[in-house]
Amino acid sequence: MNYETNLGNIKCRVCAATFQCDIHHLSDPIDVYSEWIDQTEELNKQQAAQALDTGLGAEGEAAYEEVDEDYAGDD
């Protein structure tokens, strides 16, 4: 958490994946982690939909249905 530059950084100890986002004076490390998870879920949903649209077959369709079920109650 760097409040001088208003940037929060996180790095996975297992796979070394990194994420960075804007923060403000009320931000905590959990906020950066939550933003990372939210953006990852959104990207996974978009990729599953794109796989279905490009006709990748049952694999793309199954992935899209799984994501769609996860978001069924969010409407």
PDB file of N, CA and C in Angstrom:
ATOM      1  N   MET A   1       0.861  -1.170   0.000  1.00  0.00           N
ATOM      2  CA  MET A   1       0.000   0.000   0.000  1.00  0.00           C
ATOM      3  C   MET A   1       0.908   1.233   0.000  1.00  0.00           C
ATOM      4  N   ASN A   2       0.826   1.991  -1.060  1.00  0.00           N
ATOM      5  CA  ASN A   2       1.616   3.211  -1.156  1.00  0.00           C
ATOM      6  C   ASN A   2       0.640   4.381  -1.245  1.00  0.00           C
ATOM      7  N   TYR A   3       0.434   5.027  -0.110  1.00  0.00           N
ATOM      8  CA  TYR A   3      -0.532   6.120  -0.050  1.00  0.00           C
ATOM      9  C   TYR A   3      -0.002   7.400  -0.685  1.00  0.00           C
ATOM     10  N   GLU A   4       1.312   7.492  -0.891  1.00  0.00           N
ATOM     11  CA  GLU A   4       1.887   8.673  -1.544  1.00  0.00           C
ATOM     12  C   GLU A   4       1.563   8.682  -3.035  1.00  0.00           C
ATOM     13  N   THR A   5       1.596   7.501  -3.661  1.00  0.00           N
ATOM     14  CA  THR A   5       1.294   7.402  -5.091  1.00  0.00           C
ATOM     15  C   THR A   5      -0.132   6.913  -5.339  1.00  0.00           C
ATOM     16  N   ASN A   6      -0.862   6.607  -4.267  1.00  0.00           N
ATOM     17  CA  ASN A   6      -2.235   6.094  -4.349  1.00  0.00           C
ATOM     18  C   ASN A   6      -2.335   4.806  -5.158  1.00  0.00           C
ATOM     19  N   LEU A   7      -1.364   3.904  -4.938  1.00  0.00           N
ATOM     20  CA  LEU A   7      -1.361   2.615  -5.607  1.00  0.00           C
ATOM     21  C   LEU A   7      -1.251   1.490  -4.596  1.00  0.00           C
ATOM     22  N   GLY A   8      -2.081   0.474  -4.802  1.00  0.00           N
ATOM     23  CA  GLY A   8      -1.993  -0.735  -3.996  1.00  0.00           C
ATOM     24  C   GLY A   8      -1.487  -1.864  -4.875  1.00  0.00           C
ATOM     25  N   ASN A   9      -0.537  -2.638  -4.380  1.00  0.00           N
ATOM     26  CA  ASN A   9       0.051  -3.756  -5.122  1.00  0.00           C
ATOM     27  C   ASN A   9      -0.129  -5.032  -4.327  1.00  0.00           C
ATOM     28  N   ILE A  10      -0.330  -6.130  -5.058  1.00  0.00           N
ATOM     29  CA  ILE A  10      -0.437  -7.428  -4.423  1.00  0.00           C
ATOM     30  C   ILE A  10       0.266  -8.440  -5.316  1.00  0.00           C
ATOM     31  N   LYS A  11       0.904  -9.447  -4.705  1.00  0.00           N
ATOM     32  CA  LYS A  11       1.615 -10.476  -5.455  1.00  0.00           C
ATOM     33  C   LYS A  11       1.352 -11.831  -4.819  1.00  0.00           C
ATOM     34  N   CYS A  12       1.012 -12.801  -5.648  1.00  0.00           N
ATOM     35  CA  CYS A  12       0.773 -14.161  -5.178  1.00  0.00           C
ATOM     36  C   CYS A  12       2.107 -14.831  -4.865  1.00  0.00           C
ATOM     37  N   ARG A  13       2.209 -15.419  -3.692  1.00  0.00           N
ATOM     38  CA  ARG A  13       3.437 -16.113  -3.319  1.00  0.00           C
ATOM     39  C   ARG A  13       3.583 -17.439  -4.047  1.00  0.00           C
ATOM     40  N   VAL A  14       2.501 -18.004  -4.542  1.00  0.00           N
ATOM     41  CA  VAL A  14       2.536 -19.303  -5.198  1.00  0.00           C
ATOM     42  C   VAL A  14       2.934 -19.174  -6.665  1.00  0.00           C
ATOM     43  N   CYS A  15       2.229 -18.317  -7.410  1.00  0.00           N
ATOM     44  CA  CYS A  15       2.451 -18.238  -8.864  1.00  0.00           C
ATOM     45  C   CYS A  15       3.105 -16.937  -9.307  1.00  0.00           C
ATOM     46  N   ALA A  16       3.333 -16.016  -8.403  1.00  0.00           N
ATOM     47  CA  ALA A  16       3.979 -14.725  -8.676  1.00  0.00           C
ATOM     48  C   ALA A  16       3.120 -13.787  -9.534  1.00  0.00           C
ATOM     49  N   ALA A  17       1.823 -14.067  -9.654  1.00  0.00           N
ATOM     50  CA  ALA A  17       0.925 -13.146 -10.354  1.00  0.00           C
ATOM     51  C   ALA A  17       0.852 -11.860  -9.536  1.00  0.00           C
ATOM     52  N   THR A  18       0.731 -10.732 -10.234  1.00  0.00           N
ATOM     53  CA  THR A  18       0.673  -9.440  -9.550  1.00  0.00           C
ATOM     54  C   THR A  18      -0.567  -8.678  -9.989  1.00  0.00           C
ATOM     55  N   PHE A  19      -0.963  -7.743  -9.141  1.00  0.00           N
ATOM     56  CA  PHE A  19      -2.104  -6.884  -9.429  1.00  0.00           C
ATOM     57  C   PHE A  19      -1.841  -5.526  -8.797  1.00  0.00           C
ATOM     58  N   GLN A  20      -2.274  -4.487  -9.482  1.00  0.00           N
ATOM     59  CA  GLN A  20      -2.117  -3.123  -8.983  1.00  0.00           C
ATOM     60  C   GLN A  20      -3.401  -2.362  -9.236  1.00  0.00           C
ATOM     61  N   CYS A  21      -3.810  -1.548  -8.267  1.00  0.00           N
ATOM     62  CA  CYS A  21      -5.003  -0.720  -8.452  1.00  0.00           C
ATOM     63  C   CYS A  21      -4.854   0.589  -7.679  1.00  0.00           C
ATOM     64  N   ASP A  22      -5.719   1.512  -8.025  1.00  0.00           N
ATOM     65  CA  ASP A  22      -5.749   2.796  -7.326  1.00  0.00           C
ATOM     66  C   ASP A  22      -6.332   2.617  -5.936  1.00  0.00           C
ATOM     67  N   ILE A  23      -5.802   3.353  -4.988  1.00  0.00           N
ATOM     68  CA  ILE A  23      -6.307   3.337  -3.621  1.00  0.00           C
ATOM     69  C   ILE A  23      -6.490   4.778  -3.152  1.00  0.00           C
ATOM     70  N   HIS A  24      -7.088   4.925  -1.985  1.00  0.00           N
ATOM     71  CA  HIS A  24      -7.217   6.238  -1.352  1.00  0.00           C
ATOM     72  C   HIS A  24      -6.926   6.081   0.137  1.00  0.00           C
ATOM     73  N   HIS A  25      -7.052   7.152   0.878  1.00  0.00           N
ATOM     74  CA  HIS A  25      -6.629   7.149   2.271  1.00  0.00           C
ATOM     75  C   HIS A  25      -7.426   6.189   3.163  1.00  0.00           C
ATOM     76  N   LEU A  26      -8.578   5.739   2.731  1.00  0.00           N
ATOM     77  CA  LEU A  26      -9.376   4.794   3.516  1.00  0.00           C
ATOM     78  C   LEU A  26      -9.173   3.339   3.093  1.00  0.00           C
ATOM     79  N   SER A  27      -8.385   3.107   2.060  1.00  0.00           N
ATOM     80  CA  SER A  27      -8.178   1.756   1.537  1.00  0.00           C
ATOM     81  C   SER A  27      -7.320   0.917   2.478  1.00  0.00           C
ATOM     82  N   ASP A  28      -7.651  -0.372   2.524  1.00  0.00           N
ATOM     83  CA  ASP A  28      -6.890  -1.360   3.284  1.00  0.00           C
ATOM     84  C   ASP A  28      -6.411  -2.439   2.315  1.00  0.00           C
ATOM     85  N   PRO A  29      -5.452  -3.273   2.730  1.00  0.00           N
ATOM     86  CA  PRO A  29      -4.989  -4.349   1.851  1.00  0.00           C
ATOM     87  C   PRO A  29      -6.115  -5.269   1.355  1.00  0.00           C
ATOM     88  N   ILE A  30      -7.107  -5.514   2.175  1.00  0.00           N
ATOM     89  CA  ILE A  30      -8.217  -6.367   1.749  1.00  0.00           C
ATOM     90  C   ILE A  30      -8.982  -5.740   0.578  1.00  0.00           C
ATOM     91  N   ASP A  31      -8.991  -4.421   0.488  1.00  0.00           N
ATOM     92  CA  ASP A  31      -9.655  -3.744  -0.627  1.00  0.00           C
ATOM     93  C   ASP A  31      -8.937  -4.030  -1.946  1.00  0.00           C
ATOM     94  N   VAL A  32      -7.614  -4.060  -1.919  1.00  0.00           N
ATOM     95  CA  VAL A  32      -6.834  -4.364  -3.114  1.00  0.00           C
ATOM     96  C   VAL A  32      -7.088  -5.815  -3.520  1.00  0.00           C
ATOM     97  N   TYR A  33      -7.070  -6.716  -2.550  1.00  0.00           N
ATOM     98  CA  TYR A  33      -7.329  -8.126  -2.821  1.00  0.00           C
ATOM     99  C   TYR A  33      -8.742  -8.316  -3.396  1.00  0.00           C
ATOM    100  N   SER A  34      -9.715  -7.673  -2.825  1.00  0.00           N
ATOM    101  CA  SER A  34     -11.099  -7.797  -3.299  1.00  0.00           C
ATOM    102  C   SER A  34     -11.243  -7.274  -4.720  1.00  0.00           C
ATOM    103  N   GLU A  35     -10.575  -6.183  -5.031  1.00  0.00           N
ATOM    104  CA  GLU A  35     -10.605  -5.635  -6.388  1.00  0.00           C
ATOM    105  C   GLU A  35      -9.985  -6.625  -7.367  1.00  0.00           C
ATOM    106  N   TRP A  36      -8.911  -7.272  -6.968  1.00  0.00           N
ATOM    107  CA  TRP A  36      -8.243  -8.272  -7.800  1.00  0.00           C
ATOM    108  C   TRP A  36      -9.202  -9.434  -8.092  1.00  0.00           C
ATOM    109  N   ILE A  37      -9.851  -9.937  -7.060  1.00  0.00           N
ATOM    110  CA  ILE A  37     -10.790 -11.043  -7.221  1.00  0.00           C
ATOM    111  C   ILE A  37     -11.958 -10.626  -8.118  1.00  0.00           C
ATOM    112  N   ASP A  38     -12.502  -9.445  -7.899  1.00  0.00           N
ATOM    113  CA  ASP A  38     -13.628  -8.959  -8.710  1.00  0.00           C
ATOM    114  C   ASP A  38     -13.242  -8.857 -10.189  1.00  0.00           C
ATOM    115  N   GLN A  39     -12.086  -8.301 -10.471  1.00  0.00           N
ATOM    116  CA  GLN A  39     -11.659  -8.148 -11.857  1.00  0.00           C
ATOM    117  C   GLN A  39     -11.349  -9.501 -12.498  1.00  0.00           C
ATOM    118  N   THR A  40     -10.792 -10.422 -11.723  1.00  0.00           N
ATOM    119  CA  THR A  40     -10.518 -11.760 -12.239  1.00  0.00           C
ATOM    120  C   THR A  40     -11.809 -12.480 -12.596  1.00  0.00           C
ATOM    121  N   GLU A  41     -12.811 -12.383 -11.739  1.00  0.00           N
ATOM    122  CA  GLU A  41     -14.101 -13.012 -12.025  1.00  0.00           C
ATOM    123  C   GLU A  41     -14.736 -12.418 -13.273  1.00  0.00           C
ATOM    124  N   GLU A  42     -14.662 -11.108 -13.435  1.00  0.00           N
ATOM    125  CA  GLU A  42     -15.237 -10.455 -14.607  1.00  0.00           C
ATOM    126  C   GLU A  42     -14.521 -10.899 -15.887  1.00  0.00           C
ATOM    127  N   LEU A  43     -13.187 -10.972 -15.844  1.00  0.00           N
ATOM    128  CA  LEU A  43     -12.435 -11.426 -17.012  1.00  0.00           C
ATOM    129  C   LEU A  43     -12.757 -12.873 -17.354  1.00  0.00           C
ATOM    130  N   ASN A  44     -12.888 -13.718 -16.342  1.00  0.00           N
ATOM    131  CA  ASN A  44     -13.240 -15.118 -16.585  1.00  0.00           C
ATOM    132  C   ASN A  44     -14.612 -15.228 -17.225  1.00  0.00           C
ATOM    133  N   LYS A  45     -15.543 -14.421 -16.790  1.00  0.00           N
ATOM    134  CA  LYS A  45     -16.885 -14.433 -17.363  1.00  0.00           C
ATOM    135  C   LYS A  45     -16.838 -13.986 -18.818  1.00  0.00           C
ATOM    136  N   GLN A  46     -16.087 -12.931 -19.103  1.00  0.00           N
ATOM    137  CA  GLN A  46     -15.967 -12.436 -20.473  1.00  0.00           C
ATOM    138  C   GLN A  46     -15.303 -13.464 -21.381  1.00  0.00           C
ATOM    139  N   GLN A  47     -14.259 -14.125 -20.886  1.00  0.00           N
ATOM    140  CA  GLN A  47     -13.570 -15.122 -21.698  1.00  0.00           C
ATOM    141  C   GLN A  47     -14.465 -16.330 -21.970  1.00  0.00           C
ATOM    142  N   ALA A  48     -15.250 -16.732 -20.999  1.00  0.00           N
ATOM    143  CA  ALA A  48     -16.166 -17.851 -21.198  1.00  0.00           C
ATOM    144  C   ALA A  48     -17.222 -17.492 -22.235  1.00  0.00           C
ATOM    145  N   ALA A  49     -17.729 -16.279 -22.183  1.00  0.00           N
ATOM    146  CA  ALA A  49     -18.725 -15.835 -23.158  1.00  0.00           C
ATOM    147  C   ALA A  49     -18.097 -15.746 -24.545  1.00  0.00           C
ATOM    148  N   GLN A  50     -16.871 -15.266 -24.625  1.00  0.00           N
ATOM    149  CA  GLN A  50     -16.182 -15.165 -25.905  1.00  0.00           C
ATOM    150  C   GLN A  50     -15.912 -16.554 -26.478  1.00  0.00           C
ATOM    151  N   ALA A  51     -15.536 -17.499 -25.642  1.00  0.00           N
ATOM    152  CA  ALA A  51     -15.303 -18.866 -26.102  1.00  0.00           C
ATOM    153  C   ALA A  51     -16.583 -19.461 -26.673  1.00  0.00           C
ATOM    154  N   LEU A  52     -17.691 -19.182 -26.044  1.00  0.00           N
ATOM    155  CA  LEU A  52     -18.974 -19.668 -26.531  1.00  0.00           C
ATOM    156  C   LEU A  52     -19.310 -19.015 -27.864  1.00  0.00           C
ATOM    157  N   ASP A  53     -19.079 -17.710 -27.972  1.00  0.00           N
ATOM    158  CA  ASP A  53     -19.381 -16.967 -29.199  1.00  0.00           C
ATOM    159  C   ASP A  53     -18.503 -17.400 -30.369  1.00  0.00           C
ATOM    160  N   THR A  54     -17.258 -17.785 -30.099  1.00  0.00           N
ATOM    161  CA  THR A  54     -16.350 -18.180 -31.176  1.00  0.00           C
ATOM    162  C   THR A  54     -16.486 -19.648 -31.522  1.00  0.00           C
ATOM    163  N   GLY A  55     -17.391 -20.353 -30.848  1.00  0.00           N
ATOM    164  CA  GLY A  55     -17.677 -21.740 -31.186  1.00  0.00           C
ATOM    165  C   GLY A  55     -16.616 -22.719 -30.768  1.00  0.00           C
ATOM    166  N   LEU A  56     -16.104 -22.581 -29.573  1.00  0.00           N
ATOM    167  CA  LEU A  56     -15.112 -23.533 -29.093  1.00  0.00           C
ATOM    168  C   LEU A  56     -15.748 -24.833 -28.622  1.00  0.00           C
ATOM    169  N   GLY A  57     -17.020 -24.976 -28.847  1.00  0.00           N
ATOM    170  CA  GLY A  57     -17.682 -26.235 -28.562  1.00  0.00           C
ATOM    171  C   GLY A  57     -18.092 -26.407 -27.122  1.00  0.00           C
ATOM    172  N   ALA A  58     -18.157 -27.646 -26.699  1.00  0.00           N
ATOM    173  CA  ALA A  58     -18.680 -27.997 -25.383  1.00  0.00           C
ATOM    174  C   ALA A  58     -17.851 -27.400 -24.255  1.00  0.00           C
ATOM    175  N   GLU A  59     -16.532 -27.303 -24.443  1.00  0.00           N
ATOM    176  CA  GLU A  59     -15.697 -26.738 -23.379  1.00  0.00           C
ATOM    177  C   GLU A  59     -16.077 -25.294 -23.111  1.00  0.00           C
ATOM    178  N   GLY A  60     -16.205 -24.491 -24.158  1.00  0.00           N
ATOM    179  CA  GLY A  60     -16.595 -23.099 -24.002  1.00  0.00           C
ATOM    180  C   GLY A  60     -17.999 -22.981 -23.462  1.00  0.00           C
ATOM    181  N   GLU A  61     -18.895 -23.828 -23.936  1.00  0.00           N
ATOM    182  CA  GLU A  61     -20.281 -23.789 -23.483  1.00  0.00           C
ATOM    183  C   GLU A  61     -20.385 -24.167 -22.014  1.00  0.00           C
ATOM    184  N   ALA A  62     -19.656 -25.203 -21.594  1.00  0.00           N
ATOM    185  CA  ALA A  62     -19.690 -25.618 -20.189  1.00  0.00           C
ATOM    186  C   ALA A  62     -19.134 -24.524 -19.293  1.00  0.00           C
ATOM    187  N   ALA A  63     -18.060 -23.866 -19.728  1.00  0.00           N
ATOM    188  CA  ALA A  63     -17.471 -22.793 -18.928  1.00  0.00           C
ATOM    189  C   ALA A  63     -18.450 -21.644 -18.794  1.00  0.00           C
ATOM    190  N   TYR A  64     -19.136 -21.303 -19.878  1.00  0.00           N
ATOM    191  CA  TYR A  64     -20.098 -20.206 -19.844  1.00  0.00           C
ATOM    192  C   TYR A  64     -21.259 -20.542 -18.916  1.00  0.00           C
ATOM    193  N   GLU A  65     -21.759 -21.750 -18.986  1.00  0.00           N
ATOM    194  CA  GLU A  65     -22.874 -22.148 -18.124  1.00  0.00           C
ATOM    195  C   GLU A  65     -22.473 -22.105 -16.660  1.00  0.00           C
ATOM    196  N   GLU A  66     -21.244 -22.543 -16.350  1.00  0.00           N
ATOM    197  CA  GLU A  66     -20.777 -22.518 -14.972  1.00  0.00           C
ATOM    198  C   GLU A  66     -20.708 -21.091 -14.455  1.00  0.00           C
ATOM    199  N   VAL A  67     -20.175 -20.186 -15.239  1.00  0.00           N
ATOM    200  CA  VAL A  67     -20.086 -18.782 -14.842  1.00  0.00           C
ATOM    201  C   VAL A  67     -21.480 -18.194 -14.725  1.00  0.00           C
ATOM    202  N   ASP A  68     -22.349 -18.521 -15.684  1.00  0.00           N
ATOM    203  CA  ASP A  68     -23.707 -18.001 -15.679  1.00  0.00           C
ATOM    204  C   ASP A  68     -24.454 -18.425 -14.409  1.00  0.00           C
ATOM    205  N   GLU A  69     -24.255 -19.659 -13.966  1.00  0.00           N
ATOM    206  CA  GLU A  69     -24.879 -20.125 -12.732  1.00  0.00           C
ATOM    207  C   GLU A  69     -24.395 -19.330 -11.526  1.00  0.00           C
ATOM    208  N   ASP A  70     -23.105 -19.013 -11.523  1.00  0.00           N
ATOM    209  CA  ASP A  70     -22.534 -18.245 -10.401  1.00  0.00           C
ATOM    210  C   ASP A  70     -23.156 -16.865 -10.295  1.00  0.00           C
ATOM    211  N   TYR A  71     -23.570 -16.290 -11.404  1.00  0.00           N
ATOM    212  CA  TYR A  71     -24.098 -14.931 -11.410  1.00  0.00           C
ATOM    213  C   TYR A  71     -25.620 -14.899 -11.519  1.00  0.00           C
ATOM    214  N   ALA A  72     -26.266 -16.034 -11.461  1.00  0.00           N
ATOM    215  CA  ALA A  72     -27.715 -16.095 -11.651  1.00  0.00           C
ATOM    216  C   ALA A  72     -28.470 -15.248 -10.633  1.00  0.00           C
ATOM    217  N   GLY A  73     -27.990 -15.188  -9.406  1.00  0.00           N
ATOM    218  CA  GLY A  73     -28.700 -14.457  -8.371  1.00  0.00           C
ATOM    219  C   GLY A  73     -28.322 -13.000  -8.254  1.00  0.00           C
ATOM    220  N   ASP A  74     -27.401 -12.522  -9.081  1.00  0.00           N
ATOM    221  CA  ASP A  74     -26.906 -11.153  -8.956  1.00  0.00           C
ATOM    222  C   ASP A  74     -27.768 -10.131  -9.675  1.00  0.00           C
ATOM    223  N   ASP A  75     -28.767 -10.563 -10.456  1.00  0.00           N
ATOM    224  CA  ASP A  75     -29.573  -9.613 -11.245  1.00  0.00           C
ATOM    225  C   ASP A  75     -30.536  -8.848 -10.407  1.00  0.00           C
TER     226      ASP A  75
END
